[in-house]
mmCIF file of all heavy atoms, coordinates in Angstrom:
data_MODEL
# 
_entry.id   MODEL 
# 
loop_
_atom_site.group_PDB 
_atom_site.id 
_atom_site.type_symbol 
_atom_site.label_atom_id 
_atom_site.label_alt_id 
_atom_site.label_comp_id 
_atom_site.label_asym_id 
_atom_site.label_entity_id 
_atom_site.label_seq_id 
_atom_site.pdbx_PDB_ins_code 
_atom_site.Cartn_x 
_atom_site.Cartn_y 
_atom_site.Cartn_z 
_atom_site.occupancy 
_atom_site.B_iso_or_equiv 
_atom_site.pdbx_formal_charge 
_atom_site.auth_seq_id 
_atom_site.auth_comp_id 
_atom_site.auth_asym_id 
_atom_site.auth_atom_id 
_atom_site.pdbx_PDB_model_num 
ATOM 1   N N   . THR A 1 1  ? 0.781  -1.236  -0.008  1.00 0.00 ? 1  THR A N   1 
ATOM 2   C CA  . THR A 1 1  ? -0.020 -0.038  0.042   1.00 0.00 ? 1  THR A CA  1 
ATOM 3   C C   . THR A 1 1  ? 0.790  1.258   0.023   1.00 0.00 ? 1  THR A C   1 
ATOM 4   O O   . THR A 1 1  ? 0.626  2.186   -0.717  1.00 0.00 ? 1  THR A O   1 
ATOM 5   C CB  . THR A 1 1  ? -0.970 0.035   1.205   1.00 0.00 ? 1  THR A CB  1 
ATOM 6   O OG1 . THR A 1 1  ? -1.720 -1.176  1.176   1.00 0.00 ? 1  THR A OG1 1 
ATOM 7   C CG2 . THR A 1 1  ? -1.853 1.295   1.204   1.00 0.00 ? 1  THR A CG2 1 
ATOM 8   N N   . LEU A 1 2  ? 1.952  1.273   0.882   1.00 0.00 ? 2  LEU A N   1 
ATOM 9   C CA  . LEU A 1 2  ? 2.854  2.416   0.845   1.00 0.00 ? 2  LEU A CA  1 
ATOM 10  C C   . LEU A 1 2  ? 3.536  2.650   -0.495  1.00 0.00 ? 2  LEU A C   1 
ATOM 11  O O   . LEU A 1 2  ? 3.792  3.767   -0.868  1.00 0.00 ? 2  LEU A O   1 
ATOM 12  C CB  . LEU A 1 2  ? 3.832  2.221   1.982   1.00 0.00 ? 2  LEU A CB  1 
ATOM 13  C CG  . LEU A 1 2  ? 3.336  2.283   3.359   1.00 0.00 ? 2  LEU A CG  1 
ATOM 14  C CD1 . LEU A 1 2  ? 4.480  1.931   4.385   1.00 0.00 ? 2  LEU A CD1 1 
ATOM 15  C CD2 . LEU A 1 2  ? 2.765  3.648   3.654   1.00 0.00 ? 2  LEU A CD2 1 
ATOM 16  N N   . ILE A 1 3  ? 3.796  1.513   -1.192  1.00 0.00 ? 3  ILE A N   1 
ATOM 17  C CA  . ILE A 1 3  ? 4.485  1.655   -2.518  1.00 0.00 ? 3  ILE A CA  1 
ATOM 18  C C   . ILE A 1 3  ? 3.493  2.130   -3.481  1.00 0.00 ? 3  ILE A C   1 
ATOM 19  O O   . ILE A 1 3  ? 3.795  3.024   -4.259  1.00 0.00 ? 3  ILE A O   1 
ATOM 20  C CB  . ILE A 1 3  ? 5.171  0.426   -2.903  1.00 0.00 ? 3  ILE A CB  1 
ATOM 21  C CG1 . ILE A 1 3  ? 6.271  0.045   -1.981  1.00 0.00 ? 3  ILE A CG1 1 
ATOM 22  C CG2 . ILE A 1 3  ? 5.550  0.482   -4.395  1.00 0.00 ? 3  ILE A CG2 1 
ATOM 23  C CD1 . ILE A 1 3  ? 6.865  -1.370  -2.274  1.00 0.00 ? 3  ILE A CD1 1 
ATOM 24  N N   . LEU A 1 4  ? 2.310  1.581   -3.523  1.00 0.00 ? 4  LEU A N   1 
ATOM 25  C CA  . LEU A 1 4  ? 1.361  1.851   -4.573  1.00 0.00 ? 4  LEU A CA  1 
ATOM 26  C C   . LEU A 1 4  ? 0.747  3.334   -4.403  1.00 0.00 ? 4  LEU A C   1 
ATOM 27  O O   . LEU A 1 4  ? 0.449  3.934   -5.553  1.00 0.00 ? 4  LEU A O   1 
ATOM 28  C CB  . LEU A 1 4  ? 0.285  0.861   -4.681  1.00 0.00 ? 4  LEU A CB  1 
ATOM 29  C CG  . LEU A 1 4  ? 0.681  -0.565  -5.028  1.00 0.00 ? 4  LEU A CG  1 
ATOM 30  C CD1 . LEU A 1 4  ? -0.432 -1.553  -5.032  1.00 0.00 ? 4  LEU A CD1 1 
ATOM 31  C CD2 . LEU A 1 4  ? 1.283  -0.528  -6.429  1.00 0.00 ? 4  LEU A CD2 1 
ATOM 32  N N   . VAL A 1 5  ? 0.580  3.772   -3.240  1.00 0.00 ? 5  VAL A N   1 
ATOM 33  C CA  . VAL A 1 5  ? 0.047  5.134   -3.005  1.00 0.00 ? 5  VAL A CA  1 
ATOM 34  C C   . VAL A 1 5  ? 1.136  6.221   -3.221  1.00 0.00 ? 5  VAL A C   1 
ATOM 35  O O   . VAL A 1 5  ? 0.808  7.423   -3.102  1.00 0.00 ? 5  VAL A O   1 
ATOM 36  C CB  . VAL A 1 5  ? -0.676 5.279   -1.689  1.00 0.00 ? 5  VAL A CB  1 
ATOM 37  C CG1 . VAL A 1 5  ? -1.844 4.279   -1.593  1.00 0.00 ? 5  VAL A CG1 1 
ATOM 38  C CG2 . VAL A 1 5  ? 0.317  5.167   -0.576  1.00 0.00 ? 5  VAL A CG2 1 
ATOM 39  N N   . GLY A 1 6  ? 2.403  5.875   -3.377  1.00 0.00 ? 6  GLY A N   1 
ATOM 40  C CA  . GLY A 1 6  ? 3.423  6.851   -3.499  1.00 0.00 ? 6  GLY A CA  1 
ATOM 41  C C   . GLY A 1 6  ? 3.361  7.576   -4.856  1.00 0.00 ? 6  GLY A C   1 
ATOM 42  O O   . GLY A 1 6  ? 2.520  7.215   -5.795  1.00 0.00 ? 6  GLY A O   1 
ATOM 43  N N   . ARG A 1 7  ? 4.332  8.408   -5.027  1.00 0.00 ? 7  ARG A N   1 
ATOM 44  C CA  . ARG A 1 7  ? 4.364  9.167   -6.277  1.00 0.00 ? 7  ARG A CA  1 
ATOM 45  C C   . ARG A 1 7  ? 4.986  8.463   -7.458  1.00 0.00 ? 7  ARG A C   1 
ATOM 46  O O   . ARG A 1 7  ? 5.067  9.065   -8.536  1.00 0.00 ? 7  ARG A O   1 
ATOM 47  C CB  . ARG A 1 7  ? 5.116  10.518  -6.058  1.00 0.00 ? 7  ARG A CB  1 
ATOM 48  C CG  . ARG A 1 7  ? 6.479  10.378  -5.517  1.00 0.00 ? 7  ARG A CG  1 
ATOM 49  C CD  . ARG A 1 7  ? 7.120  11.729  -5.104  1.00 0.00 ? 7  ARG A CD  1 
ATOM 50  N NE  . ARG A 1 7  ? 8.451  11.601  -4.593  1.00 0.00 ? 7  ARG A NE  1 
ATOM 51  C CZ  . ARG A 1 7  ? 9.515  11.515  -5.340  1.00 0.00 ? 7  ARG A CZ  1 
ATOM 52  N NH1 . ARG A 1 7  ? 9.406  11.697  -6.639  1.00 0.00 ? 7  ARG A NH1 1 
ATOM 53  N NH2 . ARG A 1 7  ? 10.739 11.482  -4.838  1.00 0.00 ? 7  ARG A NH2 1 
ATOM 54  N N   . TYR A 1 8  ? 5.541  7.255   -7.189  1.00 0.00 ? 8  TYR A N   1 
ATOM 55  C CA  . TYR A 1 8  ? 6.306  6.604   -8.263  1.00 0.00 ? 8  TYR A CA  1 
ATOM 56  C C   . TYR A 1 8  ? 5.433  5.742   -9.105  1.00 0.00 ? 8  TYR A C   1 
ATOM 57  O O   . TYR A 1 8  ? 5.712  5.339   -10.260 1.00 0.00 ? 8  TYR A O   1 
ATOM 58  C CB  . TYR A 1 8  ? 7.338  5.746   -7.676  1.00 0.00 ? 8  TYR A CB  1 
ATOM 59  C CG  . TYR A 1 8  ? 8.459  6.486   -6.946  1.00 0.00 ? 8  TYR A CG  1 
ATOM 60  C CD1 . TYR A 1 8  ? 8.449  6.472   -5.598  1.00 0.00 ? 8  TYR A CD1 1 
ATOM 61  C CD2 . TYR A 1 8  ? 9.435  7.136   -7.654  1.00 0.00 ? 8  TYR A CD2 1 
ATOM 62  C CE1 . TYR A 1 8  ? 9.464  7.299   -4.891  1.00 0.00 ? 8  TYR A CE1 1 
ATOM 63  C CE2 . TYR A 1 8  ? 10.396 7.862   -6.980  1.00 0.00 ? 8  TYR A CE2 1 
ATOM 64  C CZ  . TYR A 1 8  ? 10.409 7.887   -5.585  1.00 0.00 ? 8  TYR A CZ  1 
ATOM 65  O OH  . TYR A 1 8  ? 11.406 8.647   -4.952  1.00 0.00 ? 8  TYR A OH  1 
ATOM 66  N N   . PHE A 1 9  ? 4.236  5.417   -8.668  1.00 0.00 ? 9  PHE A N   1 
ATOM 67  C CA  . PHE A 1 9  ? 3.290  4.497   -9.374  1.00 0.00 ? 9  PHE A CA  1 
ATOM 68  C C   . PHE A 1 9  ? 2.024  5.119   -9.879  1.00 0.00 ? 9  PHE A C   1 
ATOM 69  O O   . PHE A 1 9  ? 1.032  4.497   -10.100 1.00 0.00 ? 9  PHE A O   1 
ATOM 70  C CB  . PHE A 1 9  ? 2.907  3.340   -8.436  1.00 0.00 ? 9  PHE A CB  1 
ATOM 71  C CG  . PHE A 1 9  ? 3.957  2.368   -8.352  1.00 0.00 ? 9  PHE A CG  1 
ATOM 72  C CD1 . PHE A 1 9  ? 4.982  2.441   -7.280  1.00 0.00 ? 9  PHE A CD1 1 
ATOM 73  C CD2 . PHE A 1 9  ? 4.194  1.255   -9.290  1.00 0.00 ? 9  PHE A CD2 1 
ATOM 74  C CE1 . PHE A 1 9  ? 5.991  1.539   -7.216  1.00 0.00 ? 9  PHE A CE1 1 
ATOM 75  C CE2 . PHE A 1 9  ? 5.173  0.308   -9.115  1.00 0.00 ? 9  PHE A CE2 1 
ATOM 76  C CZ  . PHE A 1 9  ? 6.165  0.496   -8.123  1.00 0.00 ? 9  PHE A CZ  1 
ATOM 77  N N   . ASP A 1 10 ? 2.017  6.527   -10.001 1.00 0.00 ? 10 ASP A N   1 
ATOM 78  C CA  . ASP A 1 10 ? 0.837  7.155   -10.532 1.00 0.00 ? 10 ASP A CA  1 
ATOM 79  C C   . ASP A 1 10 ? 1.031  7.382   -12.008 1.00 0.00 ? 10 ASP A C   1 
ATOM 80  O O   . ASP A 1 10 ? 2.079  6.938   -12.640 1.00 0.00 ? 10 ASP A O   1 
ATOM 81  C CB  . ASP A 1 10 ? 0.650  8.558   -9.827  1.00 0.00 ? 10 ASP A CB  1 
ATOM 82  C CG  . ASP A 1 10 ? 1.911  9.384   -9.950  1.00 0.00 ? 10 ASP A CG  1 
ATOM 83  O OD1 . ASP A 1 10 ? 2.880  8.937   -10.497 1.00 0.00 ? 10 ASP A OD1 1 
ATOM 84  O OD2 . ASP A 1 10 ? 1.871  10.510  -9.347  1.00 0.00 ? 10 ASP A OD2 1 
ATOM 85  N N   . LEU A 1 11 ? 0.091  7.889   -12.677 1.00 0.00 ? 11 LEU A N   1 
ATOM 86  C CA  . LEU A 1 11 ? 0.091  8.017   -14.111 1.00 0.00 ? 11 LEU A CA  1 
ATOM 87  C C   . LEU A 1 11 ? 1.244  9.007   -14.566 1.00 0.00 ? 11 LEU A C   1 
ATOM 88  O O   . LEU A 1 11 ? 1.811  8.973   -15.679 1.00 0.00 ? 11 LEU A O   1 
ATOM 89  C CB  . LEU A 1 11 ? -1.201 8.480   -14.652 1.00 0.00 ? 11 LEU A CB  1 
ATOM 90  C CG  . LEU A 1 11 ? -2.308 7.460   -14.623 1.00 0.00 ? 11 LEU A CG  1 
ATOM 91  C CD1 . LEU A 1 11 ? -3.619 8.015   -15.122 1.00 0.00 ? 11 LEU A CD1 1 
ATOM 92  C CD2 . LEU A 1 11 ? -1.905 6.242   -15.252 1.00 0.00 ? 11 LEU A CD2 1 
ATOM 93  N N   . GLU A 1 12 ? 1.607  10.005  -13.690 1.00 0.00 ? 12 GLU A N   1 
ATOM 94  C CA  . GLU A 1 12 ? 2.623  10.880  -14.037 1.00 0.00 ? 12 GLU A CA  1 
ATOM 95  C C   . GLU A 1 12 ? 4.042  10.253  -13.863 1.00 0.00 ? 12 GLU A C   1 
ATOM 96  O O   . GLU A 1 12 ? 4.887  10.428  -14.712 1.00 0.00 ? 12 GLU A O   1 
ATOM 97  C CB  . GLU A 1 12 ? 2.518  12.133  -13.144 1.00 0.00 ? 12 GLU A CB  1 
ATOM 98  C CG  . GLU A 1 12 ? 1.271  12.970  -13.331 1.00 0.00 ? 12 GLU A CG  1 
ATOM 99  C CD  . GLU A 1 12 ? 1.251  14.130  -12.478 1.00 0.00 ? 12 GLU A CD  1 
ATOM 100 O OE1 . GLU A 1 12 ? 2.192  14.286  -11.634 1.00 0.00 ? 12 GLU A OE1 1 
ATOM 101 O OE2 . GLU A 1 12 ? 0.262  14.943  -12.593 1.00 0.00 ? 12 GLU A OE2 1 
ATOM 102 N N   . GLY A 1 13 ? 4.188  9.465   -12.730 1.00 0.00 ? 13 GLY A N   1 
ATOM 103 C CA  . GLY A 1 13 ? 5.468  8.812   -12.596 1.00 0.00 ? 13 GLY A CA  1 
ATOM 104 C C   . GLY A 1 13 ? 5.649  7.693   -13.626 1.00 0.00 ? 13 GLY A C   1 
ATOM 105 O O   . GLY A 1 13 ? 6.863  7.346   -14.028 1.00 0.00 ? 13 GLY A O   1 
ATOM 106 N N   . MET A 1 14 ? 4.722  6.881   -13.848 1.00 0.00 ? 14 MET A N   1 
ATOM 107 C CA  . MET A 1 14 ? 4.739  5.771   -14.803 1.00 0.00 ? 14 MET A CA  1 
ATOM 108 C C   . MET A 1 14 ? 3.627  5.851   -15.753 1.00 0.00 ? 14 MET A C   1 
ATOM 109 O O   . MET A 1 14 ? 2.532  5.232   -15.631 1.00 0.00 ? 14 MET A O   1 
ATOM 110 C CB  . MET A 1 14 ? 4.546  4.406   -13.957 1.00 0.00 ? 14 MET A CB  1 
ATOM 111 C CG  . MET A 1 14 ? 5.696  4.201   -12.991 1.00 0.00 ? 14 MET A CG  1 
ATOM 112 S SD  . MET A 1 14 ? 5.661  2.569   -12.192 1.00 0.00 ? 14 MET A SD  1 
ATOM 113 C CE  . MET A 1 14 ? 6.001  1.523   -13.663 1.00 0.00 ? 14 MET A CE  1 
ATOM 114 N N   . PRO A 1 15 ? 3.691  6.587   -16.739 1.00 0.00 ? 15 PRO A N   1 
ATOM 115 C CA  . PRO A 1 15 ? 2.699  6.781   -17.821 1.00 0.00 ? 15 PRO A CA  1 
ATOM 116 C C   . PRO A 1 15 ? 2.499  5.494   -18.690 1.00 0.00 ? 15 PRO A C   1 
ATOM 117 O O   . PRO A 1 15 ? 3.361  4.622   -18.560 1.00 0.00 ? 15 PRO A O   1 
ATOM 118 C CB  . PRO A 1 15 ? 3.146  7.967   -18.628 1.00 0.00 ? 15 PRO A CB  1 
ATOM 119 C CG  . PRO A 1 15 ? 4.639  7.947   -18.478 1.00 0.00 ? 15 PRO A CG  1 
ATOM 120 C CD  . PRO A 1 15 ? 4.965  7.386   -17.119 1.00 0.00 ? 15 PRO A CD  1 
ATOM 121 N N   . ILE A 1 16 ? 1.463  5.447   -19.431 1.00 0.00 ? 16 ILE A N   1 
ATOM 122 C CA  . ILE A 1 16 ? 1.193  4.358   -20.257 1.00 0.00 ? 16 ILE A CA  1 
ATOM 123 C C   . ILE A 1 16 ? 2.306  4.411   -21.385 1.00 0.00 ? 16 ILE A C   1 
ATOM 124 O O   . ILE A 1 16 ? 2.554  5.429   -21.995 1.00 0.00 ? 16 ILE A O   1 
ATOM 125 C CB  . ILE A 1 16 ? -0.182 4.487   -20.878 1.00 0.00 ? 16 ILE A CB  1 
ATOM 126 C CG1 . ILE A 1 16 ? -1.206 4.439   -19.809 1.00 0.00 ? 16 ILE A CG1 1 
ATOM 127 C CG2 . ILE A 1 16 ? -0.474 3.325   -21.894 1.00 0.00 ? 16 ILE A CG2 1 
ATOM 128 C CD1 . ILE A 1 16 ? -2.655 4.665   -20.289 1.00 0.00 ? 16 ILE A CD1 1 
ATOM 129 N N   . PRO A 1 17 ? 2.886  3.277   -21.618 1.00 0.00 ? 17 PRO A N   1 
ATOM 130 C CA  . PRO A 1 17 ? 3.990  3.265   -22.686 1.00 0.00 ? 17 PRO A CA  1 
ATOM 131 C C   . PRO A 1 17 ? 3.460  3.570   -24.095 1.00 0.00 ? 17 PRO A C   1 
ATOM 132 O O   . PRO A 1 17 ? 2.382  3.206   -24.471 1.00 0.00 ? 17 PRO A O   1 
ATOM 133 C CB  . PRO A 1 17 ? 4.492  1.767   -22.625 1.00 0.00 ? 17 PRO A CB  1 
ATOM 134 C CG  . PRO A 1 17 ? 3.345  0.985   -22.047 1.00 0.00 ? 17 PRO A CG  1 
ATOM 135 C CD  . PRO A 1 17 ? 2.707  1.868   -21.121 1.00 0.00 ? 17 PRO A CD  1 
ATOM 136 N N   . GLU A 1 18 ? 4.252  4.312   -24.753 1.00 0.00 ? 18 GLU A N   1 
ATOM 137 C CA  . GLU A 1 18 ? 3.830  4.812   -26.022 1.00 0.00 ? 18 GLU A CA  1 
ATOM 138 C C   . GLU A 1 18 ? 4.000  3.679   -27.103 1.00 0.00 ? 18 GLU A C   1 
ATOM 139 O O   . GLU A 1 18 ? 4.938  2.721   -26.952 1.00 0.00 ? 18 GLU A O   1 
ATOM 140 C CB  . GLU A 1 18 ? 4.617  5.997   -26.504 1.00 0.00 ? 18 GLU A CB  1 
ATOM 141 C CG  . GLU A 1 18 ? 4.517  7.169   -25.596 1.00 0.00 ? 18 GLU A CG  1 
ATOM 142 C CD  . GLU A 1 18 ? 5.388  8.386   -26.007 1.00 0.00 ? 18 GLU A CD  1 
ATOM 143 O OE1 . GLU A 1 18 ? 6.174  8.169   -27.066 1.00 0.00 ? 18 GLU A OE1 1 
ATOM 144 O OE2 . GLU A 1 18 ? 5.311  9.408   -25.489 1.00 0.00 ? 18 GLU A OE2 1 
ATOM 145 N N   . PRO A 1 19 ? 3.236  3.629   -28.136 1.00 0.00 ? 19 PRO A N   1 
ATOM 146 C CA  . PRO A 1 19 ? 3.451  2.550   -29.134 1.00 0.00 ? 19 PRO A CA  1 
ATOM 147 C C   . PRO A 1 19 ? 4.779  2.624   -29.790 1.00 0.00 ? 19 PRO A C   1 
ATOM 148 O O   . PRO A 1 19 ? 5.370  3.671   -30.109 1.00 0.00 ? 19 PRO A O   1 
ATOM 149 C CB  . PRO A 1 19 ? 2.268  2.786   -30.157 1.00 0.00 ? 19 PRO A CB  1 
ATOM 150 C CG  . PRO A 1 19 ? 1.309  3.627   -29.412 1.00 0.00 ? 19 PRO A CG  1 
ATOM 151 C CD  . PRO A 1 19 ? 2.106  4.408   -28.340 1.00 0.00 ? 19 PRO A CD  1 
ATOM 152 N N   . ARG A 1 20 ? 5.439  1.435   -29.986 1.00 0.00 ? 20 ARG A N   1 
ATOM 153 C CA  . ARG A 1 20 ? 6.744  1.371   -30.531 1.00 0.00 ? 20 ARG A CA  1 
ATOM 154 C C   . ARG A 1 20 ? 6.727  1.050   -32.053 1.00 0.00 ? 20 ARG A C   1 
ATOM 155 O O   . ARG A 1 20 ? 5.792  0.483   -32.553 1.00 0.00 ? 20 ARG A O   1 
ATOM 156 C CB  . ARG A 1 20 ? 7.513  0.319   -29.804 1.00 0.00 ? 20 ARG A CB  1 
ATOM 157 C CG  . ARG A 1 20 ? 7.710  0.431   -28.280 1.00 0.00 ? 20 ARG A CG  1 
ATOM 158 C CD  . ARG A 1 20 ? 8.603  1.683   -28.027 1.00 0.00 ? 20 ARG A CD  1 
ATOM 159 N NE  . ARG A 1 20 ? 8.781  1.806   -26.532 1.00 0.00 ? 20 ARG A NE  1 
ATOM 160 C CZ  . ARG A 1 20 ? 9.576  2.751   -25.978 1.00 0.00 ? 20 ARG A CZ  1 
ATOM 161 N NH1 . ARG A 1 20 ? 10.141 3.646   -26.785 1.00 0.00 ? 20 ARG A NH1 1 
ATOM 162 N NH2 . ARG A 1 20 ? 9.665  2.868   -24.700 1.00 0.00 ? 20 ARG A NH2 1 
ATOM 163 N N   . PRO A 1 21 ? 7.716  1.415   -32.766 1.00 0.00 ? 21 PRO A N   1 
ATOM 164 C CA  . PRO A 1 21 ? 7.813  1.001   -34.171 1.00 0.00 ? 21 PRO A CA  1 
ATOM 165 C C   . PRO A 1 21 ? 7.886  -0.409  -34.353 1.00 0.00 ? 21 PRO A C   1 
ATOM 166 O O   . PRO A 1 21 ? 8.183  -1.186  -33.492 1.00 0.00 ? 21 PRO A O   1 
ATOM 167 C CB  . PRO A 1 21 ? 8.963  1.786   -34.688 1.00 0.00 ? 21 PRO A CB  1 
ATOM 168 C CG  . PRO A 1 21 ? 9.880  2.044   -33.496 1.00 0.00 ? 21 PRO A CG  1 
ATOM 169 C CD  . PRO A 1 21 ? 8.828  2.251   -32.356 1.00 0.00 ? 21 PRO A CD  1 
ATOM 170 N N   . ALA A 1 22 ? 7.711  -0.850  -35.657 1.00 0.00 ? 22 ALA A N   1 
ATOM 171 C CA  . ALA A 1 22 ? 7.687  -2.314  -35.892 1.00 0.00 ? 22 ALA A CA  1 
ATOM 172 C C   . ALA A 1 22 ? 9.052  -2.868  -35.728 1.00 0.00 ? 22 ALA A C   1 
ATOM 173 O O   . ALA A 1 22 ? 9.157  -4.126  -35.441 1.00 0.00 ? 22 ALA A O   1 
ATOM 174 C CB  . ALA A 1 22 ? 7.237  -2.523  -37.284 1.00 0.00 ? 22 ALA A CB  1 
ATOM 175 N N   . ASP A 1 23 ? 10.146 -2.205  -35.999 1.00 0.00 ? 23 ASP A N   1 
ATOM 176 C CA  . ASP A 1 23 ? 11.487 -2.688  -35.808 1.00 0.00 ? 23 ASP A CA  1 
ATOM 177 C C   . ASP A 1 23 ? 11.979 -2.616  -34.379 1.00 0.00 ? 23 ASP A C   1 
ATOM 178 O O   . ASP A 1 23 ? 13.183 -2.925  -34.176 1.00 0.00 ? 23 ASP A O   1 
ATOM 179 C CB  . ASP A 1 23 ? 12.467 -1.979  -36.783 1.00 0.00 ? 23 ASP A CB  1 
ATOM 180 C CG  . ASP A 1 23 ? 12.411 -0.560  -36.571 1.00 0.00 ? 23 ASP A CG  1 
ATOM 181 O OD1 . ASP A 1 23 ? 11.621 0.018   -35.839 1.00 0.00 ? 23 ASP A OD1 1 
ATOM 182 O OD2 . ASP A 1 23 ? 13.331 0.183   -37.126 1.00 0.00 ? 23 ASP A OD2 1 
ATOM 183 N N   . TYR A 1 24 ? 11.221 -2.322  -33.439 1.00 0.00 ? 24 TYR A N   1 
ATOM 184 C CA  . TYR A 1 24 ? 11.674 -2.191  -31.981 1.00 0.00 ? 24 TYR A CA  1 
ATOM 185 C C   . TYR A 1 24 ? 11.842 -3.543  -31.449 1.00 0.00 ? 24 TYR A C   1 
ATOM 186 O O   . TYR A 1 24 ? 10.952 -4.451  -31.588 1.00 0.00 ? 24 TYR A O   1 
ATOM 187 C CB  . TYR A 1 24 ? 10.721 -1.366  -31.269 1.00 0.00 ? 24 TYR A CB  1 
ATOM 188 C CG  . TYR A 1 24 ? 11.047 -1.227  -29.824 1.00 0.00 ? 24 TYR A CG  1 
ATOM 189 C CD1 . TYR A 1 24 ? 11.992 -0.381  -29.342 1.00 0.00 ? 24 TYR A CD1 1 
ATOM 190 C CD2 . TYR A 1 24 ? 10.339 -2.054  -28.782 1.00 0.00 ? 24 TYR A CD2 1 
ATOM 191 C CE1 . TYR A 1 24 ? 12.302 -0.248  -28.011 1.00 0.00 ? 24 TYR A CE1 1 
ATOM 192 C CE2 . TYR A 1 24 ? 10.710 -1.902  -27.459 1.00 0.00 ? 24 TYR A CE2 1 
ATOM 193 C CZ  . TYR A 1 24 ? 11.641 -1.060  -27.065 1.00 0.00 ? 24 TYR A CZ  1 
ATOM 194 O OH  . TYR A 1 24 ? 11.961 -0.932  -25.763 1.00 0.00 ? 24 TYR A OH  1 
ATOM 195 N N   . SER A 1 25 ? 12.982 -3.768  -30.808 1.00 0.00 ? 25 SER A N   1 
ATOM 196 C CA  . SER A 1 25 ? 13.232 -5.126  -30.230 1.00 0.00 ? 25 SER A CA  1 
ATOM 197 C C   . SER A 1 25 ? 13.325 -4.972  -28.677 1.00 0.00 ? 25 SER A C   1 
ATOM 198 O O   . SER A 1 25 ? 14.131 -4.331  -28.102 1.00 0.00 ? 25 SER A O   1 
ATOM 199 C CB  . SER A 1 25 ? 14.634 -5.687  -30.657 1.00 0.00 ? 25 SER A CB  1 
ATOM 200 O OG  . SER A 1 25 ? 14.840 -6.864  -30.069 1.00 0.00 ? 25 SER A OG  1 
ATOM 201 N N   . ASN A 1 26 ? 12.263 -5.595  -28.119 1.00 0.00 ? 26 ASN A N   1 
ATOM 202 C CA  . ASN A 1 26 ? 12.156 -5.553  -26.644 1.00 0.00 ? 26 ASN A CA  1 
ATOM 203 C C   . ASN A 1 26 ? 13.317 -6.358  -25.990 1.00 0.00 ? 26 ASN A C   1 
ATOM 204 O O   . ASN A 1 26 ? 13.817 -5.965  -24.941 1.00 0.00 ? 26 ASN A O   1 
ATOM 205 C CB  . ASN A 1 26 ? 10.797 -6.188  -26.163 1.00 0.00 ? 26 ASN A CB  1 
ATOM 206 C CG  . ASN A 1 26 ? 10.591 -5.982  -24.693 1.00 0.00 ? 26 ASN A CG  1 
ATOM 207 O OD1 . ASN A 1 26 ? 10.871 -7.055  -24.026 1.00 0.00 ? 26 ASN A OD1 1 
ATOM 208 N ND2 . ASN A 1 26 ? 10.115 -4.961  -24.258 1.00 0.00 ? 26 ASN A ND2 1 
ATOM 209 N N   . THR A 1 27 ? 13.670 -7.481  -26.603 1.00 0.00 ? 27 THR A N   1 
ATOM 210 C CA  . THR A 1 27 ? 14.750 -8.367  -26.125 1.00 0.00 ? 27 THR A CA  1 
ATOM 211 C C   . THR A 1 27 ? 16.084 -7.613  -26.197 1.00 0.00 ? 27 THR A C   1 
ATOM 212 O O   . THR A 1 27 ? 16.933 -7.673  -25.207 1.00 0.00 ? 27 THR A O   1 
ATOM 213 C CB  . THR A 1 27 ? 14.842 -9.636  -26.947 1.00 0.00 ? 27 THR A CB  1 
ATOM 214 O OG1 . THR A 1 27 ? 13.538 -10.227 -26.978 1.00 0.00 ? 27 THR A OG1 1 
ATOM 215 C CG2 . THR A 1 27 ? 15.878 -10.545 -26.356 1.00 0.00 ? 27 THR A CG2 1 
# 
């Protein structure tokens, strides 16, 4: 609870990842 209500796990600290191009390699 202390971790999730902190400022690191809100939408500003961890926004939704932007779409990556087709040649992007996660590995």
